[in-house]
Amino acid sequence: MGLFPSVNRAQYTMIDILSGPDVDVVADLHFLPAEWTNRFDAFVSGAVFEHLERPWVAAKEVARVLAPGGVCYVATHQTFPLHGHPQDFWRFSTEALSLIFRDAGLEVLACAYKHRTKTVPPPELLGHEQIEPWNAKYPSWAIVHLAARKSG
C-alpha cells in the first residue's frame, strides 16, 4: 500500500542514512546526490530535522532538489524527550524552522505548532504551585511543522 496510498510507489523515493525497510537510497540529507538538483515536486520529512547536525545545510539541500514550484513539508520537534537514532541535536521554534527554510531560498507558506505539552520542571527550579501558571504563560508543543515552496 505504501506511505502515500493514492500515489504509485514508483513515484517517490525514500531515503535514510542507513539501509533498512522502505529505504530506496542511503543518503545524507546534508549532501544529497548532485543529479537530484531540481528533480522532485515534493519533499516530506517527519521527525528528522532534530537529528541533523546542521539542519540549515539540509534545508538548502531540500531547496536544491525541489523542482521549481515544488513544495516541502517538514515536521520536527519543539519540545520532546531526547532520543537517539543515531543522535539528537535540536529543538525548533516556529521562528527558527521558518528562518532556516527562508534562508535556504524557499517561501514559507505556513509554520505552526501541534500537540500542546506540559513542562514539569523539578521543584528546585519551579515550585509545584507555579507549574500551571508557568505552563499557561510559556507554552510548549510536541511538534512544529512547516510547509514551503520553491519559486517557479
N, C-alpha and C. Protein backbone atom coordinates (compact mmCIF):
# COMPACT_ATOMS: atom_id res chain seq x y z
N MET A 1 0.83 -1.19 0.00
CA MET A 1 0.00 0.00 0.00
C MET A 1 0.88 1.25 0.00
N GLY A 2 1.96 1.28 0.75
CA GLY A 2 2.88 2.41 0.71
C GLY A 2 2.49 3.55 1.63
N LEU A 3 3.39 4.50 1.74
CA LEU A 3 3.20 5.65 2.60
C LEU A 3 2.11 6.60 2.09
N PHE A 4 2.00 6.72 0.78
CA PHE A 4 1.02 7.60 0.14
C PHE A 4 0.12 6.72 -0.73
N PRO A 5 -0.99 6.24 -0.18
CA PRO A 5 -1.81 5.24 -0.88
C PRO A 5 -2.31 5.67 -2.26
N SER A 6 -2.51 6.96 -2.49
CA SER A 6 -3.02 7.40 -3.79
C SER A 6 -1.91 7.72 -4.79
N VAL A 7 -0.63 7.49 -4.38
CA VAL A 7 0.50 7.75 -5.27
C VAL A 7 1.21 6.42 -5.53
N ASN A 8 1.46 6.15 -6.81
CA ASN A 8 2.19 4.95 -7.19
C ASN A 8 3.54 4.94 -6.48
N ARG A 9 3.89 3.84 -5.85
CA ARG A 9 5.13 3.74 -5.06
C ARG A 9 6.37 4.08 -5.90
N ALA A 10 6.34 3.85 -7.17
CA ALA A 10 7.48 4.18 -8.04
C ALA A 10 7.64 5.68 -8.24
N GLN A 11 6.67 6.46 -7.78
CA GLN A 11 6.69 7.91 -7.98
C GLN A 11 7.38 8.67 -6.85
N TYR A 12 7.84 7.98 -5.81
CA TYR A 12 8.56 8.67 -4.75
C TYR A 12 9.76 7.86 -4.28
N THR A 13 10.72 8.58 -3.71
CA THR A 13 11.97 7.99 -3.26
C THR A 13 12.09 8.19 -1.76
N MET A 14 12.33 7.12 -1.04
CA MET A 14 12.51 7.20 0.41
C MET A 14 13.99 7.06 0.72
N ILE A 15 14.52 8.02 1.50
CA ILE A 15 15.94 7.98 1.85
C ILE A 15 16.11 7.89 3.36
N ASP A 16 17.26 7.38 3.76
CA ASP A 16 17.66 7.35 5.16
C ASP A 16 19.18 7.25 5.18
N ILE A 17 19.77 7.50 6.34
CA ILE A 17 21.23 7.41 6.45
C ILE A 17 21.70 5.97 6.59
N LEU A 18 20.77 5.05 6.88
CA LEU A 18 21.09 3.63 6.99
C LEU A 18 20.13 2.82 6.13
N SER A 19 20.60 1.74 5.61
CA SER A 19 19.75 0.84 4.84
C SER A 19 18.72 0.20 5.76
N GLY A 20 17.55 -0.06 5.22
CA GLY A 20 16.51 -0.70 6.00
C GLY A 20 15.24 -0.84 5.20
N PRO A 21 14.18 -1.33 5.84
CA PRO A 21 12.90 -1.48 5.13
C PRO A 21 12.44 -0.12 4.59
N ASP A 22 11.92 -0.12 3.41
CA ASP A 22 11.38 1.08 2.75
C ASP A 22 12.44 2.12 2.42
N VAL A 23 13.72 1.80 2.50
CA VAL A 23 14.77 2.75 2.14
C VAL A 23 15.19 2.45 0.70
N ASP A 24 14.94 3.41 -0.18
CA ASP A 24 15.33 3.25 -1.59
C ASP A 24 16.78 3.67 -1.82
N VAL A 25 17.18 4.75 -1.12
CA VAL A 25 18.52 5.30 -1.31
C VAL A 25 19.10 5.63 0.06
N VAL A 26 20.30 5.18 0.33
CA VAL A 26 21.02 5.58 1.53
C VAL A 26 21.71 6.90 1.19
N ALA A 27 21.35 7.95 1.92
CA ALA A 27 21.89 9.28 1.62
C ALA A 27 21.90 10.12 2.88
N ASP A 28 22.76 11.11 2.89
CA ASP A 28 22.86 12.08 3.98
C ASP A 28 22.14 13.34 3.52
N LEU A 29 21.17 13.79 4.28
CA LEU A 29 20.37 14.96 3.91
C LEU A 29 21.22 16.23 3.80
N HIS A 30 22.41 16.20 4.36
CA HIS A 30 23.32 17.34 4.22
C HIS A 30 24.00 17.37 2.84
N PHE A 31 24.05 16.21 2.16
CA PHE A 31 24.77 16.08 0.88
C PHE A 31 24.01 15.14 -0.04
N LEU A 32 22.91 15.61 -0.61
CA LEU A 32 22.12 14.77 -1.50
C LEU A 32 22.81 14.67 -2.86
N PRO A 33 22.51 13.62 -3.62
CA PRO A 33 23.18 13.43 -4.91
C PRO A 33 23.02 14.64 -5.84
N ALA A 34 24.09 14.98 -6.51
CA ALA A 34 24.11 16.15 -7.41
C ALA A 34 23.06 16.01 -8.50
N GLU A 35 22.83 14.79 -8.98
CA GLU A 35 21.86 14.58 -10.07
C GLU A 35 20.41 14.79 -9.63
N TRP A 36 20.18 15.01 -8.34
CA TRP A 36 18.83 15.28 -7.85
C TRP A 36 18.45 16.76 -7.94
N THR A 37 19.32 17.62 -8.39
CA THR A 37 19.01 19.05 -8.49
C THR A 37 17.75 19.25 -9.33
N ASN A 38 16.79 20.00 -8.79
CA ASN A 38 15.51 20.33 -9.45
C ASN A 38 14.69 19.10 -9.86
N ARG A 39 14.85 17.99 -9.16
CA ARG A 39 14.23 16.72 -9.57
C ARG A 39 12.85 16.47 -8.97
N PHE A 40 12.62 16.90 -7.73
CA PHE A 40 11.42 16.46 -7.01
C PHE A 40 10.36 17.56 -6.91
N ASP A 41 9.11 17.15 -7.08
CA ASP A 41 7.98 18.07 -6.94
C ASP A 41 7.60 18.27 -5.48
N ALA A 42 7.99 17.33 -4.64
CA ALA A 42 7.65 17.43 -3.22
C ALA A 42 8.73 16.74 -2.38
N PHE A 43 8.84 17.21 -1.14
CA PHE A 43 9.76 16.65 -0.16
C PHE A 43 8.99 16.57 1.15
N VAL A 44 9.00 15.41 1.79
CA VAL A 44 8.29 15.21 3.06
C VAL A 44 9.27 14.64 4.07
N SER A 45 9.28 15.24 5.26
CA SER A 45 10.18 14.79 6.32
C SER A 45 9.44 14.81 7.65
N GLY A 46 9.47 13.69 8.35
CA GLY A 46 8.84 13.61 9.67
C GLY A 46 9.84 13.16 10.72
N ALA A 47 10.03 13.97 11.75
CA ALA A 47 10.91 13.64 12.87
C ALA A 47 12.33 13.33 12.42
N VAL A 48 12.87 14.19 11.55
CA VAL A 48 14.23 14.02 11.05
C VAL A 48 15.11 15.21 11.42
N PHE A 49 14.61 16.43 11.28
CA PHE A 49 15.46 17.61 11.40
C PHE A 49 16.08 17.78 12.79
N GLU A 50 15.47 17.23 13.82
CA GLU A 50 16.08 17.30 15.14
C GLU A 50 17.33 16.42 15.24
N HIS A 51 17.47 15.49 14.30
CA HIS A 51 18.61 14.57 14.30
C HIS A 51 19.76 15.03 13.41
N LEU A 52 19.60 16.13 12.72
CA LEU A 52 20.62 16.60 11.78
C LEU A 52 21.63 17.50 12.48
N GLU A 53 22.90 17.28 12.19
CA GLU A 53 23.94 18.12 12.79
C GLU A 53 23.78 19.57 12.37
N ARG A 54 23.45 19.80 11.12
CA ARG A 54 23.33 21.16 10.56
C ARG A 54 22.05 21.26 9.75
N PRO A 55 20.91 21.47 10.40
CA PRO A 55 19.64 21.49 9.67
C PRO A 55 19.55 22.61 8.64
N TRP A 56 20.29 23.69 8.82
CA TRP A 56 20.28 24.78 7.85
C TRP A 56 20.93 24.34 6.53
N VAL A 57 21.92 23.44 6.61
CA VAL A 57 22.55 22.89 5.40
C VAL A 57 21.55 21.96 4.71
N ALA A 58 20.87 21.14 5.49
CA ALA A 58 19.87 20.22 4.92
C ALA A 58 18.73 21.00 4.26
N ALA A 59 18.31 22.11 4.85
CA ALA A 59 17.25 22.93 4.25
C ALA A 59 17.69 23.44 2.88
N LYS A 60 18.94 23.81 2.74
CA LYS A 60 19.46 24.24 1.42
C LYS A 60 19.46 23.08 0.43
N GLU A 61 19.75 21.89 0.90
CA GLU A 61 19.70 20.71 0.04
C GLU A 61 18.26 20.44 -0.40
N VAL A 62 17.31 20.59 0.51
CA VAL A 62 15.90 20.42 0.16
C VAL A 62 15.54 21.41 -0.95
N ALA A 63 15.94 22.67 -0.78
CA ALA A 63 15.65 23.69 -1.79
C ALA A 63 16.30 23.32 -3.13
N ARG A 64 17.49 22.79 -3.09
CA ARG A 64 18.20 22.44 -4.33
C ARG A 64 17.51 21.31 -5.08
N VAL A 65 17.05 20.29 -4.37
CA VAL A 65 16.47 19.13 -5.06
C VAL A 65 15.02 19.34 -5.46
N LEU A 66 14.36 20.35 -4.90
CA LEU A 66 12.99 20.64 -5.32
C LEU A 66 12.98 21.25 -6.72
N ALA A 67 12.05 20.81 -7.53
CA ALA A 67 11.85 21.41 -8.84
C ALA A 67 11.21 22.79 -8.63
N PRO A 68 11.36 23.70 -9.58
CA PRO A 68 10.68 24.99 -9.46
C PRO A 68 9.17 24.77 -9.25
N GLY A 69 8.62 25.44 -8.25
CA GLY A 69 7.23 25.26 -7.88
C GLY A 69 7.01 24.11 -6.91
N GLY A 70 8.06 23.34 -6.60
CA GLY A 70 7.96 22.20 -5.69
C GLY A 70 7.70 22.65 -4.27
N VAL A 71 7.10 21.78 -3.50
CA VAL A 71 6.76 22.09 -2.11
C VAL A 71 7.41 21.10 -1.15
N CYS A 72 7.59 21.55 0.08
CA CYS A 72 8.10 20.64 1.12
C CYS A 72 7.23 20.75 2.36
N TYR A 73 7.19 19.66 3.09
CA TYR A 73 6.53 19.61 4.40
C TYR A 73 7.53 18.99 5.36
N VAL A 74 7.80 19.69 6.44
CA VAL A 74 8.74 19.21 7.45
C VAL A 74 8.06 19.28 8.81
N ALA A 75 8.05 18.16 9.51
CA ALA A 75 7.56 18.12 10.89
C ALA A 75 8.73 17.67 11.76
N THR A 76 8.96 18.38 12.84
CA THR A 76 10.05 18.05 13.75
C THR A 76 9.60 18.43 15.16
N HIS A 77 10.52 18.45 16.11
CA HIS A 77 10.12 18.66 17.50
C HIS A 77 10.41 20.06 18.01
N GLN A 78 9.47 20.56 18.79
CA GLN A 78 9.67 21.80 19.53
C GLN A 78 10.03 21.45 20.98
N THR A 79 9.30 20.52 21.56
CA THR A 79 9.58 20.01 22.90
C THR A 79 9.37 18.51 22.85
N PHE A 80 10.38 17.76 23.21
CA PHE A 80 10.27 16.31 23.14
C PHE A 80 11.43 15.71 23.91
N PRO A 81 11.25 14.56 24.52
CA PRO A 81 12.38 13.93 25.21
C PRO A 81 13.55 13.66 24.26
N LEU A 82 14.75 13.70 24.79
CA LEU A 82 15.92 13.35 23.99
C LEU A 82 15.80 11.91 23.54
N HIS A 83 16.14 11.68 22.29
CA HIS A 83 16.08 10.33 21.73
C HIS A 83 17.14 10.20 20.64
N GLY A 84 17.70 9.03 20.47
CA GLY A 84 18.82 8.81 19.56
C GLY A 84 18.46 8.71 18.10
N HIS A 85 18.90 7.68 17.47
CA HIS A 85 18.65 7.37 16.04
C HIS A 85 19.40 8.27 15.09
N PRO A 86 20.67 8.34 14.95
CA PRO A 86 21.62 7.90 15.96
C PRO A 86 21.93 9.00 16.98
N GLN A 87 21.66 10.27 16.64
CA GLN A 87 21.89 11.37 17.60
C GLN A 87 20.68 12.28 17.64
N ASP A 88 20.67 13.15 18.61
CA ASP A 88 19.57 14.09 18.77
C ASP A 88 20.19 15.46 19.07
N PHE A 89 20.04 16.42 18.15
CA PHE A 89 20.74 17.69 18.26
C PHE A 89 19.87 18.90 18.58
N TRP A 90 18.66 18.99 18.06
CA TRP A 90 17.93 20.26 18.03
C TRP A 90 16.48 20.16 18.46
N ARG A 91 15.95 21.30 18.88
CA ARG A 91 14.52 21.55 19.04
C ARG A 91 14.26 22.89 18.36
N PHE A 92 13.08 23.05 17.74
CA PHE A 92 12.81 24.22 16.91
C PHE A 92 11.58 24.99 17.36
N SER A 93 11.69 26.30 17.32
CA SER A 93 10.51 27.17 17.41
C SER A 93 10.01 27.38 15.99
N THR A 94 8.81 27.94 15.85
CA THR A 94 8.31 28.27 14.52
C THR A 94 9.24 29.27 13.85
N GLU A 95 9.76 30.20 14.63
CA GLU A 95 10.66 31.22 14.08
C GLU A 95 11.95 30.59 13.55
N ALA A 96 12.52 29.66 14.29
CA ALA A 96 13.77 29.01 13.87
C ALA A 96 13.56 28.16 12.62
N LEU A 97 12.51 27.35 12.60
CA LEU A 97 12.27 26.49 11.45
C LEU A 97 11.99 27.32 10.20
N SER A 98 11.18 28.35 10.36
CA SER A 98 10.90 29.25 9.23
C SER A 98 12.18 29.91 8.73
N LEU A 99 13.00 30.36 9.64
CA LEU A 99 14.23 31.06 9.27
C LEU A 99 15.16 30.18 8.42
N ILE A 100 15.38 28.95 8.83
CA ILE A 100 16.33 28.13 8.07
C ILE A 100 15.80 27.82 6.67
N PHE A 101 14.49 27.71 6.51
CA PHE A 101 13.95 27.45 5.17
C PHE A 101 13.87 28.73 4.33
N ARG A 102 13.60 29.85 4.94
CA ARG A 102 13.69 31.13 4.20
C ARG A 102 15.13 31.38 3.77
N ASP A 103 16.08 31.17 4.68
CA ASP A 103 17.50 31.34 4.33
C ASP A 103 17.93 30.39 3.21
N ALA A 104 17.25 29.27 3.09
CA ALA A 104 17.55 28.31 2.02
C ALA A 104 16.94 28.75 0.69
N GLY A 105 16.17 29.82 0.72
CA GLY A 105 15.59 30.36 -0.51
C GLY A 105 14.17 29.91 -0.79
N LEU A 106 13.52 29.30 0.18
CA LEU A 106 12.15 28.84 -0.02
C LEU A 106 11.16 29.85 0.56
N GLU A 107 9.98 29.87 -0.02
CA GLU A 107 8.88 30.69 0.50
C GLU A 107 8.14 29.87 1.55
N VAL A 108 8.12 30.33 2.78
CA VAL A 108 7.41 29.60 3.84
C VAL A 108 5.92 29.91 3.70
N LEU A 109 5.15 28.88 3.48
CA LEU A 109 3.70 29.03 3.31
C LEU A 109 2.98 29.00 4.64
N ALA A 110 3.46 28.18 5.55
CA ALA A 110 2.85 28.06 6.88
C ALA A 110 3.85 27.39 7.81
N CYS A 111 3.78 27.77 9.06
CA CYS A 111 4.59 27.13 10.09
C CYS A 111 3.83 27.26 11.40
N ALA A 112 3.61 26.15 12.07
CA ALA A 112 2.78 26.18 13.27
C ALA A 112 3.17 25.06 14.24
N TYR A 113 2.67 25.20 15.46
CA TYR A 113 2.86 24.18 16.48
C TYR A 113 1.69 23.22 16.48
N LYS A 114 1.93 22.03 17.03
CA LYS A 114 0.91 21.00 17.10
C LYS A 114 1.15 20.18 18.37
N HIS A 115 0.11 19.75 19.01
CA HIS A 115 0.15 18.89 20.20
C HIS A 115 0.76 19.61 21.40
N ARG A 116 -0.05 20.39 22.08
CA ARG A 116 0.38 21.12 23.28
C ARG A 116 0.88 20.16 24.34
N THR A 117 1.99 20.51 24.96
CA THR A 117 2.55 19.68 26.03
C THR A 117 2.58 20.47 27.33
N LYS A 118 2.92 19.81 28.39
CA LYS A 118 3.07 20.44 29.70
C LYS A 118 4.47 20.14 30.19
N THR A 119 5.18 21.17 30.59
CA THR A 119 6.52 21.00 31.13
C THR A 119 6.44 21.00 32.65
N VAL A 120 7.07 20.02 33.28
CA VAL A 120 7.06 19.92 34.74
C VAL A 120 8.51 19.90 35.22
N PRO A 121 9.06 21.09 35.50
CA PRO A 121 10.44 21.14 35.96
C PRO A 121 10.57 20.64 37.40
N PRO A 122 11.79 20.33 37.82
CA PRO A 122 11.97 19.86 39.19
C PRO A 122 11.65 20.98 40.19
N PRO A 123 11.26 20.62 41.42
CA PRO A 123 10.84 21.61 42.42
C PRO A 123 11.90 22.68 42.72
N GLU A 124 13.17 22.35 42.60
CA GLU A 124 14.20 23.36 42.89
C GLU A 124 14.24 24.45 41.83
N LEU A 125 13.64 24.21 40.65
CA LEU A 125 13.57 25.25 39.62
C LEU A 125 12.26 26.01 39.63
N LEU A 126 11.18 25.31 39.98
CA LEU A 126 9.86 25.93 39.96
C LEU A 126 8.97 25.19 40.94
N GLY A 127 8.42 25.91 41.88
CA GLY A 127 7.54 25.29 42.88
C GLY A 127 6.31 24.67 42.25
N HIS A 128 5.79 23.63 42.90
CA HIS A 128 4.63 22.89 42.38
C HIS A 128 3.46 23.82 42.07
N GLU A 129 3.21 24.79 42.93
CA GLU A 129 2.06 25.70 42.75
C GLU A 129 2.26 26.65 41.56
N GLN A 130 3.48 26.75 41.07
CA GLN A 130 3.77 27.65 39.94
C GLN A 130 3.70 26.96 38.59
N ILE A 131 3.60 25.65 38.56
CA ILE A 131 3.66 24.91 37.29
C ILE A 131 2.53 25.28 36.34
N GLU A 132 1.29 25.28 36.82
CA GLU A 132 0.16 25.59 35.93
C GLU A 132 0.24 27.00 35.36
N PRO A 133 0.43 28.04 36.19
CA PRO A 133 0.55 29.39 35.62
C PRO A 133 1.74 29.53 34.67
N TRP A 134 2.84 28.87 34.99
CA TRP A 134 4.03 28.93 34.16
C TRP A 134 3.76 28.30 32.79
N ASN A 135 3.11 27.12 32.77
CA ASN A 135 2.77 26.47 31.50
C ASN A 135 1.76 27.27 30.70
N ALA A 136 0.85 27.96 31.38
CA ALA A 136 -0.12 28.80 30.67
C ALA A 136 0.58 29.98 29.99
N LYS A 137 1.56 30.55 30.68
CA LYS A 137 2.27 31.72 30.15
C LYS A 137 3.33 31.33 29.11
N TYR A 138 3.98 30.19 29.29
CA TYR A 138 5.07 29.75 28.42
C TYR A 138 4.75 28.37 27.85
N PRO A 139 3.93 28.32 26.81
CA PRO A 139 3.52 27.02 26.27
C PRO A 139 4.64 26.28 25.57
N SER A 140 4.52 24.98 25.56
CA SER A 140 5.43 24.13 24.80
C SER A 140 4.56 23.19 23.95
N TRP A 141 5.17 22.70 22.88
CA TRP A 141 4.45 21.88 21.92
C TRP A 141 5.32 20.69 21.53
N ALA A 142 4.70 19.57 21.23
CA ALA A 142 5.47 18.40 20.82
C ALA A 142 6.05 18.59 19.42
N ILE A 143 5.27 19.17 18.54
CA ILE A 143 5.63 19.24 17.12
C ILE A 143 5.61 20.68 16.62
N VAL A 144 6.51 20.96 15.72
CA VAL A 144 6.45 22.17 14.90
C VAL A 144 6.52 21.68 13.46
N HIS A 145 5.62 22.21 12.62
CA HIS A 145 5.63 21.76 11.23
C HIS A 145 5.54 22.94 10.28
N LEU A 146 6.09 22.72 9.09
CA LEU A 146 6.29 23.79 8.13
C LEU A 146 5.95 23.30 6.73
N ALA A 147 5.35 24.19 5.95
CA ALA A 147 5.16 23.96 4.51
C ALA A 147 5.84 25.12 3.79
N ALA A 148 6.59 24.79 2.74
CA ALA A 148 7.31 25.82 2.00
C ALA A 148 7.32 25.45 0.52
N ARG A 149 7.62 26.47 -0.30
CA ARG A 149 7.61 26.27 -1.75
C ARG A 149 8.84 26.91 -2.38
N LYS A 150 9.35 26.25 -3.42
CA LYS A 150 10.43 26.81 -4.22
C LYS A 150 9.80 27.64 -5.34
N SER A 151 10.24 28.87 -5.50
CA SER A 151 9.66 29.72 -6.53
C SER A 151 9.86 29.08 -7.89
N GLY A 152 8.88 29.31 -8.75
CA GLY A 152 8.90 28.64 -10.04
C GLY A 152 9.20 29.55 -11.14
